[in-house]
Amino acid sequence: MKLQDMFLSETESIKQAIQRLEEVRCKVVYVVKGKKLLASISDGDIRRFTLKAGDINEKVSSIANYSPCTCNEYHKDQWKKIFRESELYSVPIINLNREITGVVFRDGTVIREQEKMDVPVVMMAGGKGTRLHPYTKILPKALIPIGDIPVAEHILNRFFECGCKDCFMIVNHKRGMIQSYFENIDRGYSLEYIEEEQPLGTGGGLSLLRGKVNKDFILTNCDILIDADYTAIYHIHKKKHNFITMVLSEYKA
């Protein structure tokens, strides 16, 4: 099912809403103008309407809920709170313009608009990873496995799924192992290695990218998995004309 399959316009009839609910096999569809959320229509709304002998040829606006519950486009804690405190089947994810960018369901499933961002990704992978000893006495931290593949590959795969095809990796410590691994896997993105001849500290290797990256780019560590909507974050960065946008997590002692 595509996200757009759950959309209706205000000019459509209740009969068409019933047909759409049957097609998508969901309990809710959304009334939109363009991509902007206007209202929701649930199977319960339709049942109550038909029990009152309503005419299903009327426009959906006569039964739609114009104050639907919504959630932030990248704050997953908010999603969980909504489902804990309600009996909702699904909740639309909206951006700052109230455009629907996805729908999250009670079981945790999320469907999203298939937007892509073609933004370079720069990964810092030159550190020694001393906090991960004794594992990093053998492997560079970028190659520490999470499941069947290294953590750095997980991260780059996530960015590739969002449309990022040009990647740069700043390497130093055990760089031969890192390069050997990534040159022997199937990947859809290009990967250029930026070699630090001597450690330049966190972010210091960015100075070696002069002339290689001349537009907005994403800077990521090689050992931190972030459960966030990268595309949504990038759109907020562009909309607010930020010089830099940082993704942080709350520290709980």
Protein backbone atom coordinates (compact mmCIF):
# COMPACT_ATOMS: atom_id res chain seq x y z
CA MET A 1 0.00 0.00 0.00
CA LYS A 2 1.23 3.48 -0.89
CA LEU A 3 0.65 6.50 1.31
CA GLN A 4 -1.42 8.20 -1.39
CA ASP A 5 -3.84 5.25 -1.39
CA MET A 6 -5.14 6.53 1.96
CA PHE A 7 -5.98 9.99 0.60
CA LEU A 8 -9.33 11.45 -0.49
CA SER A 9 -10.33 14.90 -1.66
CA GLU A 10 -13.24 16.88 -0.19
CA THR A 11 -15.12 16.55 -3.48
CA GLU A 12 -15.35 12.76 -3.22
CA SER A 13 -18.42 11.01 -1.86
CA ILE A 14 -18.91 8.90 1.23
CA LYS A 15 -19.49 5.96 -1.11
CA GLN A 16 -16.02 6.52 -2.55
CA ALA A 17 -14.62 6.69 0.98
CA ILE A 18 -16.18 3.29 1.72
CA GLN A 19 -14.61 1.88 -1.44
CA ARG A 20 -11.23 3.36 -0.49
CA LEU A 21 -11.37 1.85 3.00
CA GLU A 22 -12.12 -1.52 1.43
CA GLU A 23 -9.26 -1.18 -1.06
CA VAL A 24 -6.59 -0.25 1.48
CA ARG A 25 -8.00 -2.55 4.19
CA CYS A 26 -7.44 0.11 6.83
CA LYS A 27 -9.83 1.61 9.33
CA VAL A 28 -9.03 5.22 8.45
CA VAL A 29 -8.51 7.36 5.35
CA TYR A 30 -7.50 11.01 5.19
CA VAL A 31 -9.03 14.00 3.45
CA VAL A 32 -6.33 16.16 1.90
CA LYS A 33 -5.89 19.20 -0.30
CA GLY A 34 -2.75 18.52 -2.29
CA LYS A 35 -0.70 16.91 0.47
CA LYS A 36 -2.11 19.07 3.27
CA LEU A 37 -4.16 17.22 5.88
CA LEU A 38 -7.71 18.50 6.29
CA ALA A 39 -9.57 15.70 8.08
CA SER A 40 -9.87 11.99 8.76
CA ILE A 41 -12.67 9.50 8.11
CA SER A 42 -12.84 6.24 10.03
CA ASP A 43 -14.97 3.17 9.48
CA GLY A 44 -16.72 4.15 12.72
CA ASP A 45 -17.66 7.55 11.26
CA ILE A 46 -19.24 5.79 8.29
CA ARG A 47 -21.09 3.22 10.44
CA ARG A 48 -22.63 5.94 12.58
CA PHE A 49 -23.64 7.87 9.46
CA THR A 50 -25.32 4.87 7.81
CA LEU A 51 -27.14 3.93 11.04
CA LYS A 52 -28.75 7.37 10.84
CA ALA A 53 -29.89 6.50 7.29
CA GLY A 54 -27.48 8.99 5.76
CA ASP A 55 -27.04 9.24 2.00
CA ILE A 56 -23.68 7.75 1.00
CA ASN A 57 -23.67 9.92 -2.12
CA GLU A 58 -23.07 12.99 0.04
CA LYS A 59 -19.61 14.55 0.10
CA VAL A 60 -17.11 13.23 2.63
CA SER A 61 -17.02 16.66 4.25
CA SER A 62 -20.38 15.91 5.89
CA ILE A 63 -18.90 13.18 8.11
CA ALA A 64 -15.16 13.96 8.22
CA ASN A 65 -13.36 14.76 11.46
CA TYR A 66 -11.67 18.12 10.88
CA SER A 67 -9.67 17.93 14.12
CA PRO A 68 -7.78 14.67 13.68
CA CYS A 69 -5.01 13.58 16.02
CA THR A 70 -1.59 14.05 14.40
CA CYS A 71 2.01 13.48 15.37
CA ASN A 72 5.38 15.06 14.73
CA GLU A 73 7.21 13.79 11.68
CA TYR A 74 10.27 12.44 13.49
CA HIS A 75 9.48 12.19 17.23
CA LYS A 76 8.72 8.51 17.83
CA ASP A 77 8.17 8.88 21.58
CA GLN A 78 5.12 10.99 20.74
CA TRP A 79 3.71 8.19 18.59
CA LYS A 80 3.92 5.68 21.42
CA LYS A 81 2.28 8.08 23.88
CA ILE A 82 -0.67 8.66 21.54
CA PHE A 83 -1.36 4.94 21.15
CA ARG A 84 -0.99 4.32 24.90
CA GLU A 85 -3.56 6.99 25.69
CA SER A 86 -6.08 6.31 22.91
CA GLU A 87 -7.70 3.55 20.88
CA LEU A 88 -6.68 5.05 17.55
CA TYR A 89 -5.81 2.63 14.75
CA SER A 90 -3.44 4.98 12.94
CA VAL A 91 -2.11 8.53 13.18
CA PRO A 92 -0.91 10.76 10.32
CA ILE A 93 2.64 12.13 10.55
CA ILE A 94 2.73 15.76 9.46
CA ASN A 95 5.43 18.32 8.77
CA LEU A 96 5.47 22.02 9.61
CA ASN A 97 3.09 22.75 6.71
CA ARG A 98 0.59 20.13 7.92
CA GLU A 99 1.45 18.00 4.90
CA ILE A 100 1.16 14.28 5.51
CA THR A 101 4.59 12.67 5.19
CA GLY A 102 3.55 9.28 6.55
CA VAL A 103 1.11 7.28 8.64
CA VAL A 104 2.04 5.29 11.74
CA PHE A 105 -0.12 2.34 12.80
CA ARG A 106 -0.78 0.92 16.25
CA ASP A 107 1.42 -2.12 15.56
CA GLY A 108 4.38 0.15 14.82
CA THR A 109 4.19 -0.12 11.04
CA VAL A 110 4.93 3.12 9.21
CA ILE A 111 4.22 3.95 5.58
CA ARG A 112 5.84 7.04 4.11
CA GLU A 113 5.83 9.21 1.08
CA GLN A 114 8.63 8.03 -1.16
CA GLU A 115 10.70 11.20 -1.02
CA LYS A 116 14.42 11.03 -1.63
CA MET A 117 17.24 13.39 -0.74
CA ASP A 118 20.39 13.43 -2.84
CA VAL A 119 22.78 14.74 -0.19
CA PRO A 120 26.44 13.76 0.31
CA VAL A 121 27.21 11.81 3.48
CA VAL A 122 30.50 12.22 5.33
CA MET A 123 31.32 9.54 7.89
CA MET A 124 34.00 10.02 10.54
CA ALA A 125 35.73 6.65 10.91
CA GLY A 126 39.29 7.54 11.89
CA GLY A 127 39.13 7.12 15.66
CA LYS A 128 40.61 4.29 17.70
CA GLY A 129 37.37 3.44 19.49
CA THR A 130 39.01 3.07 22.89
CA ARG A 131 35.64 3.09 24.65
CA LEU A 132 34.79 -0.13 22.81
CA HIS A 133 37.83 -2.06 24.06
CA PRO A 134 38.54 -4.96 23.94
CA TYR A 135 36.60 -5.34 20.65
CA THR A 136 38.43 -2.48 18.94
CA LYS A 137 41.80 -4.00 19.77
CA ILE A 138 40.97 -6.35 16.89
CA LEU A 139 38.50 -4.45 14.70
CA PRO A 140 38.16 -0.74 13.90
CA LYS A 141 34.99 0.60 15.48
CA ALA A 142 33.38 1.10 12.05
CA LEU A 143 33.45 -2.68 11.55
CA ILE A 144 31.98 -3.71 14.91
CA PRO A 145 29.14 -6.05 13.88
CA ILE A 146 25.49 -5.37 14.64
CA GLY A 147 23.76 -8.55 13.57
CA ASP A 148 25.21 -9.75 10.27
CA ILE A 149 26.89 -6.54 9.09
CA PRO A 150 29.12 -3.82 10.60
CA VAL A 151 27.60 -0.78 12.27
CA ALA A 152 29.02 1.59 9.63
CA GLU A 153 27.36 -0.41 6.86
CA HIS A 154 24.02 -0.21 8.67
CA ILE A 155 24.38 3.58 8.84
CA LEU A 156 25.35 4.03 5.18
CA ASN A 157 22.57 1.68 4.07
CA ARG A 158 20.03 3.83 5.92
CA PHE A 159 21.24 6.95 4.14
CA PHE A 160 21.22 5.15 0.79
CA GLU A 161 17.58 4.16 1.36
CA CYS A 162 16.84 7.89 1.75
CA GLY A 163 18.43 8.67 -1.62
CA CYS A 164 22.02 9.50 -0.62
CA LYS A 165 24.37 8.06 -3.23
CA ASP A 166 27.67 9.90 -2.65
CA CYS A 167 29.50 8.97 0.54
CA PHE A 168 32.88 9.95 1.96
CA MET A 169 34.64 8.18 4.81
CA ILE A 170 37.38 9.87 6.82
CA VAL A 171 39.77 7.09 7.86
CA ASN A 172 42.98 6.70 9.83
CA HIS A 173 43.19 3.94 12.45
CA LYS A 174 43.04 0.44 10.85
CA ARG A 175 41.97 2.09 7.60
CA GLY A 176 43.19 -0.84 5.53
CA MET A 177 40.66 -3.17 7.17
CA ILE A 178 37.84 -0.68 6.62
CA GLN A 179 38.70 -0.14 2.96
CA SER A 180 39.13 -3.86 2.34
CA TYR A 181 35.70 -4.60 3.77
CA PHE A 182 33.77 -1.92 1.89
CA GLU A 183 35.50 -2.66 -1.41
CA ASN A 184 34.32 -6.27 -1.24
CA ILE A 185 30.60 -5.80 -0.63
CA ASP A 186 27.74 -4.99 -2.96
CA ARG A 187 26.57 -1.42 -2.37
CA GLY A 188 24.51 1.05 -4.35
CA TYR A 189 26.39 4.16 -3.21
CA SER A 190 29.82 5.49 -4.15
CA LEU A 191 32.36 5.62 -1.33
CA GLU A 192 35.50 7.76 -1.38
CA TYR A 193 38.07 7.46 1.41
CA ILE A 194 39.59 10.59 2.89
CA GLU A 195 42.83 9.54 4.58
CA GLU A 196 44.14 11.40 7.61
CA GLU A 197 47.91 11.05 7.66
CA GLN A 198 47.78 11.91 11.35
CA PRO A 199 44.80 12.10 13.73
CA LEU A 200 43.04 15.46 13.38
CA GLY A 201 40.51 15.04 16.18
CA THR A 202 36.72 14.93 15.99
CA GLY A 203 35.65 16.78 12.87
CA GLY A 204 39.21 17.77 12.00
CA GLY A 205 39.18 15.62 8.89
CA LEU A 206 36.54 17.88 7.36
CA SER A 207 39.38 20.18 6.31
CA LEU A 208 40.42 17.46 3.84
CA LEU A 209 37.11 17.74 1.99
CA ARG A 210 37.85 21.13 0.41
CA GLY A 211 36.97 20.97 -3.26
CA LYS A 212 35.14 17.65 -2.87
CA VAL A 213 31.90 18.74 -1.17
CA ASN A 214 30.52 22.14 -2.09
CA LYS A 215 26.94 21.95 -0.82
CA ASP A 216 24.96 20.88 2.24
CA PHE A 217 26.09 17.50 3.52
CA ILE A 218 25.35 15.09 6.35
CA LEU A 219 28.09 14.43 8.90
CA THR A 220 27.78 11.20 10.86
CA ASN A 221 29.78 9.09 13.25
CA CYS A 222 30.56 5.53 12.21
CA ASP A 223 29.33 3.87 15.39
CA ILE A 224 26.01 5.50 16.33
CA LEU A 225 22.69 4.17 15.04
CA ILE A 226 19.98 6.85 15.01
CA ASP A 227 16.31 5.91 14.86
CA ALA A 228 15.12 9.06 13.10
CA ASP A 229 13.60 10.22 9.83
CA TYR A 230 16.62 11.60 7.97
CA THR A 231 14.54 13.00 5.12
CA ALA A 232 12.30 14.93 7.51
CA ILE A 233 15.33 16.33 9.35
CA TYR A 234 16.88 17.47 6.08
CA HIS A 235 13.66 19.18 4.97
CA ILE A 236 13.47 21.06 8.28
CA HIS A 237 17.11 22.08 7.84
CA LYS A 238 16.33 23.51 4.39
CA LYS A 239 13.03 25.11 5.36
CA LYS A 240 14.57 27.00 8.28
CA HIS A 241 17.64 27.97 6.23
CA ASN A 242 19.87 26.61 8.99
CA PHE A 243 23.64 26.90 8.74
CA ILE A 244 23.87 23.68 10.75
CA THR A 245 21.25 21.31 12.17
CA MET A 246 22.24 18.92 14.95
CA VAL A 247 20.49 15.67 15.87
CA LEU A 248 20.69 15.11 19.62
CA SER A 249 19.39 12.58 22.10
CA GLU A 250 18.34 13.25 25.66
CA TYR A 251 20.85 11.99 28.20
CA LYS A 252 19.28 10.10 31.08
CA ALA A 253 21.57 9.48 34.02
